[in-house]
Protein backbone atom coordinates (compact mmCIF):
# COMPACT_ATOMS: atom_id res chain seq x y z
CA UNK A 1 16.21 -4.90 -3.48
CA UNK A 2 18.42 -5.67 -0.56
CA UNK A 3 16.59 -7.32 2.30
CA UNK A 4 19.64 -6.73 4.46
CA UNK A 5 19.15 -2.97 4.38
CA UNK A 6 15.53 -2.10 3.26
CA UNK A 7 15.82 1.36 4.87
CA UNK A 8 18.88 2.23 2.83
CA UNK A 9 17.55 0.69 -0.42
CA UNK A 10 14.26 2.63 -0.35
CA UNK A 11 16.05 5.83 0.86
CA UNK A 12 18.15 5.64 -2.22
CA UNK A 13 15.19 4.97 -4.52
CA UNK A 14 13.47 8.00 -3.02
CA UNK A 15 16.57 10.35 -3.09
CA UNK A 16 16.10 11.89 -6.59
CA UNK A 17 13.99 14.97 -7.24
CA UNK A 18 11.26 13.04 -9.07
CA UNK A 19 8.70 10.79 -7.27
CA UNK A 20 9.70 7.23 -8.02
CA UNK A 21 6.03 5.95 -8.34
CA UNK A 22 4.74 9.36 -9.43
CA UNK A 23 2.64 11.92 -7.71
CA UNK A 24 -0.79 10.65 -8.78
CA UNK A 25 -2.55 7.99 -6.77
CA UNK A 26 -2.53 4.28 -7.57
CA UNK A 27 -5.26 3.67 -10.10
CA UNK A 28 -6.94 0.81 -8.18
CA UNK A 29 -7.12 3.06 -5.10
CA UNK A 30 -8.58 5.94 -7.09
CA UNK A 31 -11.28 3.69 -8.43
CA UNK A 32 -12.19 2.36 -5.06
CA UNK A 33 -11.95 5.61 -3.03
CA UNK A 34 -15.69 6.27 -3.30
CA UNK A 35 -16.15 3.41 -0.70
CA UNK A 36 -14.59 5.82 1.79
CA UNK A 37 -16.43 8.75 3.50
CA UNK A 38 -14.85 12.10 4.34
CA UNK A 39 -13.79 12.12 7.96
CA UNK A 40 -13.10 8.50 8.17
CA UNK A 41 -9.69 7.46 9.63
CA UNK A 42 -7.40 5.64 7.16
CA UNK A 43 -3.93 4.06 7.57
CA UNK A 44 -1.64 3.94 4.46
CA UNK A 45 0.97 1.24 5.00
CA UNK A 46 4.46 1.65 3.56
CA UNK A 47 3.20 4.72 1.64
CA UNK A 48 6.53 5.69 0.16
CA UNK A 49 6.61 9.22 -1.17
CA UNK A 50 2.99 9.89 -0.13
CA UNK A 51 1.03 9.83 -3.39
CA UNK A 52 -1.77 7.63 -1.98
CA UNK A 53 -2.09 9.17 1.54
CA UNK A 54 -2.09 12.67 0.07
CA UNK A 55 -4.70 11.73 -2.51
CA UNK A 56 -7.02 10.41 0.32
CA UNK A 57 -6.44 13.44 2.46
CA UNK A 58 -7.66 15.65 -0.53
CA UNK A 59 -10.92 13.69 -0.36
CA UNK A 60 -11.39 14.66 3.22
CA UNK A 61 -10.16 11.58 5.01
CA UNK A 62 -8.09 11.62 8.24
CA UNK A 63 -4.94 9.94 6.97
CA UNK A 64 -2.03 8.35 8.89
CA UNK A 65 0.82 7.09 6.75
CA UNK A 66 4.26 5.56 7.37
CA UNK A 67 7.33 4.47 5.48
CA UNK A 68 10.72 3.13 6.36
CA UNK A 69 12.71 5.53 4.22
CA UNK A 70 13.40 9.08 5.66
CA UNK A 71 13.57 10.46 2.09
CA UNK A 72 10.16 9.02 1.34
CA UNK A 73 8.62 10.59 4.51
CA UNK A 74 10.19 13.94 3.71
CA UNK A 75 8.74 13.87 0.11
CA UNK A 76 5.35 12.83 1.37
CA UNK A 77 5.31 15.75 3.85
CA UNK A 78 6.32 18.02 0.99
CA UNK A 79 3.61 16.66 -1.30
CA UNK A 80 0.99 17.16 1.40
CA UNK A 81 1.98 20.69 1.89
CA UNK A 82 1.91 21.33 -1.85
CA UNK A 83 -1.60 20.02 -2.04
CA UNK A 84 -2.71 21.96 1.09
CA UNK A 85 -3.71 18.92 3.11
CA UNK A 86 -2.55 17.36 6.40
CA UNK A 87 -1.22 13.78 6.58
CA UNK A 88 0.17 12.36 9.74
CA UNK A 89 3.34 10.87 8.03
CA UNK A 90 5.65 8.84 10.28
CA UNK A 91 8.94 7.07 9.79
CA UNK A 92 8.48 3.40 10.72
CA UNK A 93 9.33 -0.10 9.63
CA UNK A 94 6.30 -2.19 8.62
CA UNK A 95 7.80 -5.00 10.65
CA UNK A 96 7.81 -2.86 13.81
CA UNK A 97 4.57 -0.93 13.37
CA UNK A 98 2.22 -1.11 16.42
CA UNK A 99 -0.82 -2.45 14.71
CA UNK A 100 -2.73 -2.55 18.06
CA UNK A 101 -2.26 1.14 18.97
CA UNK A 102 -5.60 2.09 17.33
CA UNK A 103 -8.04 1.03 14.70
CA UNK A 104 -8.92 2.68 11.46
CA UNK A 105 -12.00 2.73 9.16
CA UNK A 106 -9.81 1.49 6.32
CA UNK A 107 -6.20 0.20 5.92
CA UNK A 108 -4.59 0.73 2.48
CA UNK A 109 -1.67 -1.42 1.34
CA UNK A 110 -0.47 -0.81 -2.20
CA UNK A 111 2.42 -3.04 -3.49
CA UNK A 112 3.91 -3.87 -0.19
CA UNK A 113 5.53 -6.98 -1.70
CA UNK A 114 9.03 -6.52 -0.27
CA UNK A 115 8.02 -8.83 2.66
CA UNK A 116 9.59 -12.25 2.74
CA UNK A 117 7.22 -15.18 2.84
CA UNK A 118 8.05 -15.62 6.57
CA UNK A 119 7.30 -12.03 7.47
CA UNK A 120 4.01 -11.64 5.46
CA UNK A 121 1.47 -13.58 7.55
CA UNK A 122 2.40 -11.67 10.68
CA UNK A 123 2.14 -8.28 8.86
CA UNK A 124 -1.18 -9.30 7.31
CA UNK A 125 -2.61 -10.31 10.63
CA UNK A 126 -1.46 -7.01 12.07
CA UNK A 127 -3.11 -4.96 9.30
CA UNK A 128 -6.30 -6.99 9.79
CA UNK A 129 -6.33 -6.14 13.56
CA UNK A 130 -5.87 -2.43 12.68
CA UNK A 131 -9.13 -2.36 10.74
CA UNK A 132 -12.17 -1.48 12.91
CA UNK A 133 -15.11 -3.82 12.84
CA UNK A 134 -17.07 -3.28 9.69
CA UNK A 135 -14.03 -1.44 8.14
CA UNK A 136 -12.14 -2.10 4.91
CA UNK A 137 -8.80 -3.32 3.79
CA UNK A 138 -7.76 -2.26 0.35
CA UNK A 139 -4.82 -4.05 -1.32
CA UNK A 140 -3.21 -4.18 -4.74
CA UNK A 141 -0.34 -6.28 -5.59
CA UNK A 142 1.42 -8.36 -8.30
CA UNK A 143 0.61 -11.98 -9.19
CA UNK A 144 3.43 -14.45 -9.92
CA UNK A 145 2.95 -13.85 -13.60
CA UNK A 146 4.57 -10.42 -13.11
CA UNK A 147 7.85 -12.06 -13.24
CA UNK A 148 7.50 -12.41 -17.02
CA UNK A 149 6.64 -8.78 -17.49
CA UNK A 150 9.59 -7.32 -15.62
CA UNK A 151 7.79 -3.90 -15.23
CA UNK A 152 8.12 -3.58 -11.50
CA UNK A 153 7.91 -5.47 -8.30
CA UNK A 154 10.21 -8.07 -6.71
CA UNK A 155 11.92 -10.73 -8.71
CA UNK A 156 10.96 -13.54 -6.33
CA UNK A 157 7.62 -15.21 -7.07
CA UNK A 158 7.31 -16.17 -3.42
CA UNK A 159 6.73 -12.44 -2.69
CA UNK A 160 3.71 -12.19 -5.03
CA UNK A 161 0.07 -12.84 -4.45
CA UNK A 162 -2.25 -15.55 -5.66
CA UNK A 163 -6.07 -15.47 -5.48
CA UNK A 164 -5.88 -18.59 -3.23
CA UNK A 165 -3.50 -17.10 -0.81
CA UNK A 166 -5.58 -13.99 -0.41
CA UNK A 167 -8.90 -15.96 -0.05
CA UNK A 168 -7.18 -17.98 2.73
CA UNK A 169 -5.71 -14.95 4.43
CA UNK A 170 -9.08 -13.18 4.46
CA UNK A 171 -11.22 -16.12 5.33
CA UNK A 172 -14.27 -14.87 7.33
CA UNK A 173 -14.06 -11.40 5.76
CA UNK A 174 -16.59 -10.16 3.13
CA UNK A 175 -14.71 -10.07 -0.20
CA UNK A 176 -16.25 -7.03 -1.99
CA UNK A 177 -13.69 -7.27 -4.70
CA UNK A 178 -11.00 -9.90 -5.63
CA UNK A 179 -9.93 -9.40 -9.18
CA UNK A 180 -6.87 -10.85 -11.02
CA UNK A 181 -6.18 -9.16 -14.41
CA UNK A 182 -3.37 -7.70 -16.55
CA UNK A 183 -3.31 -3.90 -17.19
CA UNK A 184 -0.68 -1.27 -18.18
CA UNK A 185 0.60 0.78 -15.24
CA UNK A 186 1.96 4.36 -15.59
CA UNK A 187 3.16 5.09 -12.09
CA UNK A 188 6.50 6.94 -12.36
CA UNK A 189 9.62 5.02 -13.32
CA UNK A 190 8.91 2.42 -10.56
CA UNK A 191 5.77 0.92 -12.22
CA UNK A 192 5.61 1.27 -15.85
CA UNK A 193 4.12 -1.14 -18.52
CA UNK A 194 1.94 -4.16 -18.70
CA UNK A 195 1.55 -5.80 -15.27
CA UNK A 196 -0.14 -8.87 -13.76
CA UNK A 197 -2.21 -7.41 -10.95
CA UNK A 198 -4.57 -8.55 -8.22
CA UNK A 199 -6.90 -6.27 -6.33
CA UNK A 200 -8.63 -6.92 -2.97
CA UNK A 201 -11.21 -4.99 -1.12
CA UNK A 202 -12.36 -6.80 2.03
CA UNK A 203 -14.70 -5.84 4.82
CA UNK A 204 -14.03 -7.00 8.40
CA UNK A 205 -16.87 -8.61 10.22
CA UNK A 206 -18.76 -6.14 12.34
């Protein structure tokens, strides 16, 4: 992926008729969605073509989602219309999102590992500020071992998550789940095959 032109890179990936990561929700998010209650406000960060935001909206959640790629935003809106739900989908760069504009009962961040090591701490602090007291942050990403699988994700291990980094980043939060494991993904052409995953569900202090 080109860090010089992330909008162009993702816009190209999302330009085809198929959904690059499929239409179905991320498996981790589907497993953890029962922690969320209909009517709660959720922010889906860098939600691509909308599979996760639309899934949550079908469960009665009030979803805001954003992505940097116009093609992704258009396909997310189309998917929401197809499913008969409303998602407030916006075009925005994760590096420029106003995390302090409002708070949410949950923030969802699935495979946002395009951030450089220098960008990541600021974005994570922003996401944490966007969670209301007592709310949740749900995150799934790849561990450095993913480099060997070559089934998705960045090729630079510095962009990947370790248990130790997440424990430090969420110090003071209640870690409801922090699991590192290998599993086969079947999420369109973008994530396919055995993968080195790490899942986090963290509750912000009330």
